Amino acid sequence: MPSVAPLARVVLITGSSTGFGRNLVDAVLARGDIAVATLRKPEVLQDLATQFGKDRLLVLPLDVTDKGQVTSVFDAVKTAYGRLDVVVNNAGIAYTNEIEGTTDADIRRLFDTNVFAPFEIIKQAVAFMRDVNSPSGTGGAIINISSNSGIRAIPVLGAYSASKFALEGITEAFVNELDPAWNISLHLIEPGAFRTNISANAAQPPPHPAYSSPHLPTNLVRAKLAASTGAKGDPAKAARAILDVLDLPREERPKRLALGEDGYALVVLKARELLEGAEKWKDVSLSVNFDE
């Protein structure tokens, strides 16, 4: 087993080939921590594997939808380092189409990757951190990469938004189920538009024929996504911000963190909509109780 520096964190990241995942791997290594980079094609990270030894970087093959491979990754980490401090559920796929044009196969594939895969990884991460780390007081942290469209659904991203809404719900429930004695924290990261290739790699079936007007919200969003190279969000800065959060005392870390100007704005908009709606319809909401 390679020696692990006392202050070096072992950080497992899914979807490490590009975008947030690759930037997180780079940021972990730059901080002197240990990265466990998982991805479908490990050869993509051959440059880093050559530069860093296995005492700093472990590259493992992982299809997050394969439960057996997920288990193998956790076993490999235990063998290599004997502990795991952080898991970042980053792997995911995007999808653009009107709800009416979304097929059963499309949404099942989306949920397999964006919901069921992180669901399994969260369960295995909690079990690892509880059974391996917690007896020594280490515990751990699980970071789930959501989206601003997991806060407020966006036209033409309805199915994708639904998958991120599901991840948000799973995380909110799970964090309140954990025994505080385990010293495990869960966090949601909600990015807005960043200069990654997620939109370029998204499945983009032809628009539903009934939604052909260029003035419809779905087509306006399509045009904006096509110009995503102009997004303000810097994924390298985002990676550093995520890791900085983990430097805070556990009780001070945010349960959810919006990233990017548009990510922040959408959270504020959704909160305002919820509060204004609740106040407007308060009398109706409270009118349905049994009379005392």
C-alpha atoms as a PDB file:
ATOM      1  CA  MET A   1       0.000   0.000   0.000  1.00  0.00           C
ATOM      2  CA  PRO A   2       1.490   3.408  -0.966  1.00  0.00           C
ATOM      3  CA  SER A   3       2.184   5.726   1.931  1.00  0.00           C
ATOM      4  CA  VAL A   4      -0.409   8.493   2.312  1.00  0.00           C
ATOM      5  CA  ALA A   5       0.790  11.811   3.696  1.00  0.00           C
ATOM      6  CA  PRO A   6      -1.086  12.605   6.940  1.00  0.00           C
ATOM      7  CA  LEU A   7      -2.720  15.754   5.540  1.00  0.00           C
ATOM      8  CA  ALA A   8      -3.232  14.524   1.972  1.00  0.00           C
ATOM      9  CA  ARG A   9      -6.838  13.794   1.096  1.00  0.00           C
ATOM     10  CA  VAL A  10      -7.803  10.863  -1.100  1.00  0.00           C
ATOM     11  CA  VAL A  11     -10.345  12.215  -3.595  1.00  0.00           C
ATOM     12  CA  LEU A  12     -12.295   9.984  -5.990  1.00  0.00           C
ATOM     13  CA  ILE A  13     -13.746  11.734  -9.034  1.00  0.00           C
ATOM     14  CA  THR A  14     -16.074  10.204 -11.609  1.00  0.00           C
ATOM     15  CA  GLY A  15     -16.178  11.402 -15.208  1.00  0.00           C
ATOM     16  CA  SER A  16     -12.552  12.553 -15.120  1.00  0.00           C
ATOM     17  CA  SER A  17     -11.833  12.762 -18.838  1.00  0.00           C
ATOM     18  CA  THR A  18     -12.960  16.338 -19.541  1.00  0.00           C
ATOM     19  CA  GLY A  19     -14.704  19.377 -18.122  1.00  0.00           C
ATOM     20  CA  PHE A  20     -15.270  19.623 -14.386  1.00  0.00           C
ATOM     21  CA  GLY A  21     -13.879  16.128 -13.847  1.00  0.00           C
ATOM     22  CA  ARG A  22     -10.509  16.757 -15.481  1.00  0.00           C
ATOM     23  CA  ASN A  23     -10.222  20.155 -13.819  1.00  0.00           C
ATOM     24  CA  LEU A  24     -10.951  18.589 -10.438  1.00  0.00           C
ATOM     25  CA  VAL A  25      -8.221  15.998 -10.970  1.00  0.00           C
ATOM     26  CA  ASP A  26      -5.754  18.770 -11.848  1.00  0.00           C
ATOM     27  CA  ALA A  27      -6.806  20.840  -8.819  1.00  0.00           C
ATOM     28  CA  VAL A  28      -6.504  17.887  -6.435  1.00  0.00           C
ATOM     29  CA  LEU A  29      -2.990  17.132  -7.669  1.00  0.00           C
ATOM     30  CA  ALA A  30      -1.985  20.808  -7.535  1.00  0.00           C
ATOM     31  CA  ARG A  31      -2.959  20.898  -3.855  1.00  0.00           C
ATOM     32  CA  GLY A  32      -0.752  17.936  -3.052  1.00  0.00           C
ATOM     33  CA  ASP A  33      -3.690  15.581  -2.469  1.00  0.00           C
ATOM     34  CA  ILE A  34      -4.270  12.150  -3.993  1.00  0.00           C
ATOM     35  CA  ALA A  35      -6.600  11.821  -6.970  1.00  0.00           C
ATOM     36  CA  VAL A  36      -8.491   8.684  -7.905  1.00  0.00           C
ATOM     37  CA  ALA A  37      -9.568   9.486 -11.456  1.00  0.00           C
ATOM     38  CA  THR A  38     -12.271   7.247 -12.900  1.00  0.00           C
ATOM     39  CA  LEU A  39     -13.487   7.297 -16.481  1.00  0.00           C
ATOM     40  CA  ARG A  40     -14.580   4.997 -19.287  1.00  0.00           C
ATOM     41  CA  LYS A  41     -11.283   5.304 -21.178  1.00  0.00           C
ATOM     42  CA  PRO A  42      -8.311   5.480 -18.778  1.00  0.00           C
ATOM     43  CA  GLU A  43      -5.893   6.056 -21.661  1.00  0.00           C
ATOM     44  CA  VAL A  44      -7.237   9.621 -21.889  1.00  0.00           C
ATOM     45  CA  LEU A  45      -5.272  10.430 -18.725  1.00  0.00           C
ATOM     46  CA  GLN A  46      -2.050   8.750 -19.795  1.00  0.00           C
ATOM     47  CA  ASP A  47      -0.250  12.103 -19.643  1.00  0.00           C
ATOM     48  CA  LEU A  48      -1.045  12.508 -15.967  1.00  0.00           C
ATOM     49  CA  ALA A  49      -0.436   8.846 -15.183  1.00  0.00           C
ATOM     50  CA  THR A  50       3.049   9.226 -16.635  1.00  0.00           C
ATOM     51  CA  GLN A  51       3.726  12.419 -14.701  1.00  0.00           C
ATOM     52  CA  PHE A  52       2.441  11.241 -11.315  1.00  0.00           C
ATOM     53  CA  GLY A  53       3.102   7.946  -9.581  1.00  0.00           C
ATOM     54  CA  LYS A  54       0.385   5.817  -8.005  1.00  0.00           C
ATOM     55  CA  ASP A  55       1.140   7.377  -4.649  1.00  0.00           C
ATOM     56  CA  ARG A  56      -0.474  10.558  -6.062  1.00  0.00           C
ATOM     57  CA  LEU A  57      -2.753   9.388  -8.868  1.00  0.00           C
ATOM     58  CA  LEU A  58      -4.747   6.230  -9.399  1.00  0.00           C
ATOM     59  CA  VAL A  59      -6.528   5.995 -12.771  1.00  0.00           C
ATOM     60  CA  LEU A  60      -9.293   3.405 -12.912  1.00  0.00           C
ATOM     61  CA  PRO A  61     -11.777   2.368 -15.604  1.00  0.00           C
ATOM     62  CA  LEU A  62     -15.375   3.039 -14.647  1.00  0.00           C
ATOM     63  CA  ASP A  63     -18.701   2.959 -16.399  1.00  0.00           C
ATOM     64  CA  VAL A  64     -20.809   4.482 -13.638  1.00  0.00           C
ATOM     65  CA  THR A  65     -23.875   2.546 -14.798  1.00  0.00           C
ATOM     66  CA  ASP A  66     -22.077  -0.761 -14.076  1.00  0.00           C
ATOM     67  CA  LYS A  67     -22.617  -1.601 -10.391  1.00  0.00           C
ATOM     68  CA  GLY A  68     -19.895  -4.244 -10.469  1.00  0.00           C
ATOM     69  CA  GLN A  69     -17.337  -1.735 -11.715  1.00  0.00           C
ATOM     70  CA  VAL A  70     -18.394   0.735  -9.032  1.00  0.00           C
ATOM     71  CA  THR A  71     -17.742  -1.894  -6.354  1.00  0.00           C
ATOM     72  CA  SER A  72     -14.382  -2.732  -7.932  1.00  0.00           C
ATOM     73  CA  VAL A  73     -13.318   0.925  -7.796  1.00  0.00           C
ATOM     74  CA  PHE A  74     -14.055   1.199  -4.070  1.00  0.00           C
ATOM     75  CA  ASP A  75     -12.219  -2.077  -3.450  1.00  0.00           C
ATOM     76  CA  ALA A  76      -9.204  -0.788  -5.414  1.00  0.00           C
ATOM     77  CA  VAL A  77      -9.116   2.431  -3.381  1.00  0.00           C
ATOM     78  CA  LYS A  78      -9.251   0.506  -0.120  1.00  0.00           C
ATOM     79  CA  THR A  79      -6.382  -1.708  -1.265  1.00  0.00           C
ATOM     80  CA  ALA A  80      -4.284   1.200  -2.540  1.00  0.00           C
ATOM     81  CA  TYR A  81      -4.758   3.764   0.222  1.00  0.00           C
ATOM     82  CA  GLY A  82      -6.790   2.253   3.045  1.00  0.00           C
ATOM     83  CA  ARG A  83      -9.125   5.218   3.172  1.00  0.00           C
ATOM     84  CA  LEU A  84     -11.207   7.568   1.020  1.00  0.00           C
ATOM     85  CA  ASP A  85     -11.857  11.146   2.109  1.00  0.00           C
ATOM     86  CA  VAL A  86     -13.901  12.660  -0.723  1.00  0.00           C
ATOM     87  CA  VAL A  87     -16.119  11.306  -3.496  1.00  0.00           C
ATOM     88  CA  VAL A  88     -17.181  13.633  -6.303  1.00  0.00           C
ATOM     89  CA  ASN A  89     -20.143  12.389  -8.321  1.00  0.00           C
ATOM     90  CA  ASN A  90     -19.359  14.297 -11.500  1.00  0.00           C
ATOM     91  CA  ALA A  91     -20.091  11.861 -14.340  1.00  0.00           C
ATOM     92  CA  GLY A  92     -23.252  12.744 -16.207  1.00  0.00           C
ATOM     93  CA  ILE A  93     -24.790  13.286 -19.606  1.00  0.00           C
ATOM     94  CA  ALA A  94     -26.900  16.095 -21.017  1.00  0.00           C
ATOM     95  CA  TYR A  95     -29.900  15.899 -23.302  1.00  0.00           C
ATOM     96  CA  THR A  96     -31.862  18.521 -25.212  1.00  0.00           C
ATOM     97  CA  ASN A  97     -35.339  18.014 -26.587  1.00  0.00           C
ATOM     98  CA  GLU A  98     -38.907  18.990 -25.912  1.00  0.00           C
ATOM     99  CA  ILE A  99     -40.661  16.810 -23.335  1.00  0.00           C
ATOM    100  CA  GLU A 100     -43.116  15.741 -26.026  1.00  0.00           C
ATOM    101  CA  GLY A 101     -40.247  14.570 -28.214  1.00  0.00           C
ATOM    102  CA  THR A 102     -38.421  12.666 -25.471  1.00  0.00           C
ATOM    103  CA  THR A 103     -38.674   8.899 -25.871  1.00  0.00           C
ATOM    104  CA  ASP A 104     -38.746   6.322 -23.089  1.00  0.00           C
ATOM    105  CA  ALA A 105     -35.315   5.100 -24.180  1.00  0.00           C
ATOM    106  CA  ASP A 106     -33.900   8.640 -24.032  1.00  0.00           C
ATOM    107  CA  ILE A 107     -35.084   9.373 -20.503  1.00  0.00           C
ATOM    108  CA  ARG A 108     -34.121   5.935 -19.192  1.00  0.00           C
ATOM    109  CA  ARG A 109     -30.568   6.384 -20.479  1.00  0.00           C
ATOM    110  CA  LEU A 110     -30.441   9.829 -18.900  1.00  0.00           C
ATOM    111  CA  PHE A 111     -31.655   8.559 -15.527  1.00  0.00           C
ATOM    112  CA  ASP A 112     -29.365   5.520 -15.634  1.00  0.00           C
ATOM    113  CA  THR A 113     -26.357   7.850 -15.770  1.00  0.00           C
ATOM    114  CA  ASN A 114     -27.514  10.946 -13.875  1.00  0.00           C
ATOM    115  CA  VAL A 115     -29.649   9.369 -11.139  1.00  0.00           C
ATOM    116  CA  PHE A 116     -29.257   5.625 -10.653  1.00  0.00           C
ATOM    117  CA  ALA A 117     -25.457   5.689 -11.035  1.00  0.00           C
ATOM    118  CA  PRO A 118     -24.789   8.408  -8.425  1.00  0.00           C
ATOM    119  CA  PHE A 119     -27.431   6.805  -6.198  1.00  0.00           C
ATOM    120  CA  GLU A 120     -25.355   3.610  -6.112  1.00  0.00           C
ATOM    121  CA  ILE A 121     -22.074   5.484  -5.710  1.00  0.00           C
ATOM    122  CA  ILE A 122     -23.446   7.520  -2.793  1.00  0.00           C
ATOM    123  CA  LYS A 123     -24.550   4.328  -1.037  1.00  0.00           C
ATOM    124  CA  GLN A 124     -21.188   2.653  -1.498  1.00  0.00           C
ATOM    125  CA  ALA A 125     -19.311   5.814  -0.516  1.00  0.00           C
ATOM    126  CA  VAL A 126     -21.280   6.179   2.706  1.00  0.00           C
ATOM    127  CA  ALA A 127     -20.711   2.525   3.567  1.00  0.00           C
ATOM    128  CA  PHE A 128     -16.970   2.901   2.901  1.00  0.00           C
ATOM    129  CA  MET A 129     -16.621   6.106   4.904  1.00  0.00           C
ATOM    130  CA  ARG A 130     -18.680   4.732   7.795  1.00  0.00           C
ATOM    131  CA  ASP A 131     -17.036   1.310   8.011  1.00  0.00           C
ATOM    132  CA  VAL A 132     -13.449   2.181   7.023  1.00  0.00           C
ATOM    133  CA  ASN A 133     -12.960   5.862   7.922  1.00  0.00           C
ATOM    134  CA  SER A 134     -15.377   6.658  10.731  1.00  0.00           C
ATOM    135  CA  PRO A 135     -13.977   4.310  13.389  1.00  0.00           C
ATOM    136  CA  SER A 136     -10.833   6.466  13.305  1.00  0.00           C
ATOM    137  CA  GLY A 137     -12.882   9.677  13.288  1.00  0.00           C
ATOM    138  CA  THR A 138     -12.051  10.589   9.702  1.00  0.00           C
ATOM    139  CA  GLY A 139     -15.496  10.349   8.116  1.00  0.00           C
ATOM    140  CA  GLY A 140     -15.602  11.936   4.689  1.00  0.00           C
ATOM    141  CA  ALA A 141     -17.455  14.134   2.214  1.00  0.00           C
ATOM    142  CA  ILE A 142     -19.565  13.380  -0.848  1.00  0.00           C
ATOM    143  CA  ILE A 143     -19.924  16.072  -3.513  1.00  0.00           C
ATOM    144  CA  ASN A 144     -22.781  15.653  -5.979  1.00  0.00           C
ATOM    145  CA  ILE A 145     -22.528  17.763  -9.113  1.00  0.00           C
ATOM    146  CA  SER A 146     -26.048  18.913  -9.907  1.00  0.00           C
ATOM    147  CA  SER A 147     -26.965  21.920 -12.076  1.00  0.00           C
ATOM    148  CA  ASN A 148     -28.832  25.183 -11.918  1.00  0.00           C
ATOM    149  CA  SER A 149     -31.453  23.360 -13.984  1.00  0.00           C
ATOM    150  CA  GLY A 150     -31.874  21.069 -10.976  1.00  0.00           C
ATOM    151  CA  ILE A 151     -33.175  24.141  -9.141  1.00  0.00           C
ATOM    152  CA  ARG A 152     -35.403  25.635 -11.846  1.00  0.00           C
ATOM    153  CA  ALA A 153     -36.325  23.554 -14.895  1.00  0.00           C
ATOM    154  CA  ILE A 154     -35.335  25.017 -18.244  1.00  0.00           C
ATOM    155  CA  PRO A 155     -37.250  24.605 -21.561  1.00  0.00           C
ATOM    156  CA  VAL A 156     -35.734  21.969 -23.879  1.00  0.00           C
ATOM    157  CA  LEU A 157     -33.789  20.646 -20.878  1.00  0.00           C
ATOM    158  CA  GLY A 158     -36.848  19.177 -19.180  1.00  0.00           C
ATOM    159  CA  ALA A 159     -35.646  15.574 -19.036  1.00  0.00           C
ATOM    160  CA  TYR A 160     -32.146  16.638 -17.976  1.00  0.00           C
ATOM    161  CA  SER A 161     -33.649  18.969 -15.350  1.00  0.00           C
ATOM    162  CA  ALA A 162     -35.772  16.089 -14.043  1.00  0.00           C
ATOM    163  CA  SER A 163     -32.658  13.963 -13.555  1.00  0.00           C
ATOM    164  CA  LYS A 164     -30.945  16.739 -11.615  1.00  0.00           C
ATOM    165  CA  PHE A 165     -34.091  17.394  -9.541  1.00  0.00           C
ATOM    166  CA  ALA A 166     -33.939  13.701  -8.605  1.00  0.00           C
ATOM    167  CA  LEU A 167     -30.277  13.969  -7.584  1.00  0.00           C
ATOM    168  CA  GLU A 168     -31.119  16.991  -5.447  1.00  0.00           C
ATOM    169  CA  GLY A 169     -33.896  15.059  -3.690  1.00  0.00           C
ATOM    170  CA  ILE A 170     -31.717  12.020  -3.057  1.00  0.00           C
ATOM    171  CA  THR A 171     -28.975  14.195  -1.568  1.00  0.00           C
ATOM    172  CA  GLU A 172     -31.343  16.212   0.630  1.00  0.00           C
ATOM    173  CA  ALA A 173     -32.876  13.059   2.082  1.00  0.00           C
ATOM    174  CA  PHE A 174     -29.641  11.121   2.478  1.00  0.00           C
ATOM    175  CA  VAL A 175     -27.814  13.869   4.355  1.00  0.00           C
ATOM    176  CA  ASN A 176     -30.554  13.860   6.999  1.00  0.00           C
ATOM    177  CA  GLU A 177     -30.468  10.082   7.353  1.00  0.00           C
ATOM    178  CA  LEU A 178     -26.811   9.840   8.328  1.00  0.00           C
ATOM    179  CA  ASP A 179     -25.717   9.383  11.921  1.00  0.00           C
ATOM    180  CA  PRO A 180     -23.702  12.508  12.873  1.00  0.00           C
ATOM    181  CA  ALA A 181     -21.246  10.203  14.643  1.00  0.00           C
ATOM    182  CA  TRP A 182     -20.110   8.954  11.222  1.00  0.00           C
ATOM    183  CA  ASN A 183     -18.767  12.429  10.411  1.00  0.00           C
ATOM    184  CA  ILE A 184     -19.899  12.227   6.753  1.00  0.00           C
ATOM    185  CA  SER A 185     -21.189  15.279   4.902  1.00  0.00           C
ATOM    186  CA  LEU A 186     -23.057  15.525   1.589  1.00  0.00           C
ATOM    187  CA  HIS A 187     -23.039  18.594  -0.641  1.00  0.00           C
ATOM    188  CA  LEU A 188     -24.752  19.716  -3.840  1.00  0.00           C
ATOM    189  CA  ILE A 189     -22.902  21.828  -6.394  1.00  0.00           C
ATOM    190  CA  GLU A 190     -25.192  23.673  -8.808  1.00  0.00           C
ATOM    191  CA  PRO A 191     -23.237  25.143 -11.735  1.00  0.00           C
ATOM    192  CA  GLY A 192     -24.655  27.456 -14.330  1.00  0.00           C
ATOM    193  CA  ALA A 193     -23.136  27.635 -17.827  1.00  0.00           C
ATOM    194  CA  PHE A 194     -19.426  26.804 -17.922  1.00  0.00           C
ATOM    195  CA  ARG A 195     -17.003  26.450 -20.806  1.00  0.00           C
ATOM    196  CA  THR A 196     -17.035  22.669 -20.953  1.00  0.00           C
ATOM    197  CA  ASN A 197     -18.053  20.276 -23.697  1.00  0.00           C
ATOM    198  CA  ILE A 198     -21.183  18.971 -21.976  1.00  0.00           C
ATOM    199  CA  SER A 199     -23.524  20.738 -24.413  1.00  0.00           C
ATOM    200  CA  ALA A 200     -21.500  19.650 -27.451  1.00  0.00           C
ATOM    201  CA  ASN A 201     -21.635  16.045 -26.227  1.00  0.00           C
ATOM    202  CA  ALA A 202     -25.330  16.148 -25.367  1.00  0.00           C
ATOM    203  CA  ALA A 203     -27.784  13.934 -27.202  1.00  0.00           C
ATOM    204  CA  GLN A 204     -29.741  16.313 -29.429  1.00  0.00           C
ATOM    205  CA  PRO A 205     -32.542  14.597 -31.323  1.00  0.00           C
ATOM    206  CA  PRO A 206     -34.348  16.673 -33.954  1.00  0.00           C
ATOM    207  CA  PRO A 207     -36.902  19.101 -32.463  1.00  0.00           C
ATOM    208  CA  HIS A 208     -40.458  17.887 -32.211  1.00  0.00           C
ATOM    209  CA  PRO A 209     -42.200  19.115 -35.393  1.00  0.00           C
ATOM    210  CA  ALA A 210     -44.923  20.928 -33.441  1.00  0.00           C
ATOM    211  CA  TYR A 211     -42.276  23.206 -31.897  1.00  0.00           C
ATOM    212  CA  SER A 212     -40.814  24.658 -35.067  1.00  0.00           C
ATOM    213  CA  SER A 213     -41.348  28.359 -34.333  1.00  0.00           C
ATOM    214  CA  PRO A 214     -37.956  30.035 -33.717  1.00  0.00           C
ATOM    215  CA  HIS A 215     -39.614  32.238 -31.088  1.00  0.00           C
ATOM    216  CA  LEU A 216     -40.558  29.375 -28.773  1.00  0.00           C
ATOM    217  CA  PRO A 217     -38.548  29.137 -25.530  1.00  0.00           C
ATOM    218  CA  THR A 218     -37.187  25.717 -26.490  1.00  0.00           C
ATOM    219  CA  ASN A 219     -35.576  27.074 -29.650  1.00  0.00           C
ATOM    220  CA  LEU A 220     -34.271  30.172 -27.910  1.00  0.00           C
ATOM    221  CA  VAL A 221     -32.528  27.940 -25.370  1.00  0.00           C
ATOM    222  CA  ARG A 222     -31.179  25.754 -28.188  1.00  0.00           C
ATOM    223  CA  ALA A 223     -29.583  28.809 -29.772  1.00  0.00           C
ATOM    224  CA  LYS A 224     -28.056  29.851 -26.460  1.00  0.00           C
ATOM    225  CA  LEU A 225     -26.641  26.379 -25.839  1.00  0.00           C
ATOM    226  CA  ALA A 226     -25.124  26.366 -29.319  1.00  0.00           C
ATOM    227  CA  ALA A 227     -23.159  29.450 -28.317  1.00  0.00           C
ATOM    228  CA  SER A 228     -21.945  27.926 -25.017  1.00  0.00           C
ATOM    229  CA  THR A 229     -18.327  28.756 -25.851  1.00  0.00           C
ATOM    230  CA  GLY A 230     -19.220  32.233 -24.628  1.00  0.00           C
ATOM    231  CA  ALA A 231     -20.234  30.981 -21.183  1.00  0.00           C
ATOM    232  CA  LYS A 232     -18.694  32.995 -18.364  1.00  0.00           C
ATOM    233  CA  GLY A 233     -18.027  30.063 -16.050  1.00  0.00           C
ATOM    234  CA  ASP A 234     -14.390  28.933 -15.735  1.00  0.00           C
ATOM    235  CA  PRO A 235     -14.266  25.183 -14.863  1.00  0.00           C
ATOM    236  CA  ALA A 236     -10.751  25.482 -13.406  1.00  0.00           C
ATOM    237  CA  LYS A 237     -11.924  28.136 -10.943  1.00  0.00           C
ATOM    238  CA  ALA A 238     -15.001  26.020 -10.171  1.00  0.00           C
ATOM    239  CA  ALA A 239     -12.820  23.015  -9.333  1.00  0.00           C
ATOM    240  CA  ARG A 240     -10.740  25.099  -6.932  1.00  0.00           C
ATOM    241  CA  ALA A 241     -13.871  26.560  -5.313  1.00  0.00           C
ATOM    242  CA  ILE A 242     -15.295  23.076  -4.721  1.00  0.00           C
ATOM    243  CA  LEU A 243     -12.101  21.913  -3.026  1.00  0.00           C
ATOM    244  CA  ASP A 244     -11.881  25.135  -0.986  1.00  0.00           C
ATOM    245  CA  VAL A 245     -15.291  24.317   0.515  1.00  0.00           C
ATOM    246  CA  LEU A 246     -13.817  21.111   1.908  1.00  0.00           C
ATOM    247  CA  ASP A 247     -11.203  23.121   3.820  1.00  0.00           C
ATOM    248  CA  LEU A 248     -13.963  24.603   5.989  1.00  0.00           C
ATOM    249  CA  PRO A 249     -15.004  22.955   9.256  1.00  0.00           C
ATOM    250  CA  ARG A 250     -17.660  20.376   8.487  1.00  0.00           C
ATOM    251  CA  GLU A 251     -20.436  22.326  10.195  1.00  0.00           C
ATOM    252  CA  GLU A 252     -19.668  25.432   8.114  1.00  0.00           C
ATOM    253  CA  ARG A 253     -19.706  23.787   4.680  1.00  0.00           C
ATOM    254  CA  PRO A 254     -22.708  24.678   2.495  1.00  0.00           C
ATOM    255  CA  LYS A 255     -25.248  21.943   1.852  1.00  0.00           C
ATOM    256  CA  ARG A 256     -25.660  23.403  -1.628  1.00  0.00           C
ATOM    257  CA  LEU A 257     -23.492  25.807  -3.558  1.00  0.00           C
ATOM    258  CA  ALA A 258     -24.461  27.601  -6.774  1.00  0.00           C
ATOM    259  CA  LEU A 259     -21.525  28.316  -9.079  1.00  0.00           C
ATOM    260  CA  GLY A 260     -21.369  31.022 -11.712  1.00  0.00           C
ATOM    261  CA  GLU A 261     -23.258  34.259 -12.140  1.00  0.00           C
ATOM    262  CA  ASP A 262     -26.213  32.559 -13.838  1.00  0.00           C
ATOM    263  CA  GLY A 263     -26.179  29.703 -11.337  1.00  0.00           C
ATOM    264  CA  TYR A 264     -26.517  32.170  -8.481  1.00  0.00           C
ATOM    265  CA  ALA A 265     -29.185  34.196 -10.307  1.00  0.00           C
ATOM    266  CA  LEU A 266     -31.367  31.159 -10.981  1.00  0.00           C
ATOM    267  CA  VAL A 267     -31.301  30.071  -7.335  1.00  0.00           C
ATOM    268  CA  VAL A 268     -32.343  33.564  -6.257  1.00  0.00           C
ATOM    269  CA  LEU A 269     -35.120  33.618  -8.873  1.00  0.00           C
ATOM    270  CA  LYS A 270     -36.478  30.238  -7.798  1.00  0.00           C
ATOM    271  CA  ALA A 271     -36.396  31.197  -4.118  1.00  0.00           C
ATOM    272  CA  ARG A 272     -38.254  34.426  -4.876  1.00  0.00           C
ATOM    273  CA  GLU A 273     -40.880  32.590  -6.951  1.00  0.00           C
ATOM    274  CA  LEU A 274     -41.479  30.046  -4.187  1.00  0.00           C
ATOM    275  CA  LEU A 275     -41.760  32.671  -1.459  1.00  0.00           C
ATOM    276  CA  GLU A 276     -44.023  34.981  -3.492  1.00  0.00           C
ATOM    277  CA  GLY A 277     -46.273  32.071  -4.470  1.00  0.00           C
ATOM    278  CA  ALA A 278     -46.497  30.778  -0.922  1.00  0.00           C
ATOM    279  CA  GLU A 279     -47.456  34.218   0.424  1.00  0.00           C
ATOM    280  CA  LYS A 280     -49.976  34.897  -2.357  1.00  0.00           C
ATOM    281  CA  TRP A 281     -51.830  31.633  -1.769  1.00  0.00           C
ATOM    282  CA  LYS A 282     -51.269  31.409   1.987  1.00  0.00           C
ATOM    283  CA  ASP A 283     -54.966  31.706   2.838  1.00  0.00           C
ATOM    284  CA  VAL A 284     -55.867  28.840   0.513  1.00  0.00           C
ATOM    285  CA  SER A 285     -52.991  26.732   1.810  1.00  0.00           C
ATOM    286  CA  LEU A 286     -54.110  27.165   5.413  1.00  0.00           C
ATOM    287  CA  SER A 287     -57.845  26.821   4.703  1.00  0.00           C
ATOM    288  CA  VAL A 288     -57.865  23.058   4.277  1.00  0.00           C
ATOM    289  CA  ASN A 289     -57.092  22.018   7.854  1.00  0.00           C
ATOM    290  CA  PHE A 290     -59.775  20.507  10.071  1.00  0.00           C
ATOM    291  CA  ASP A 291     -61.547  23.149  12.135  1.00  0.00           C
ATOM    292  CA  GLU A 292     -60.326  23.061  15.709  1.00  0.00           C
END
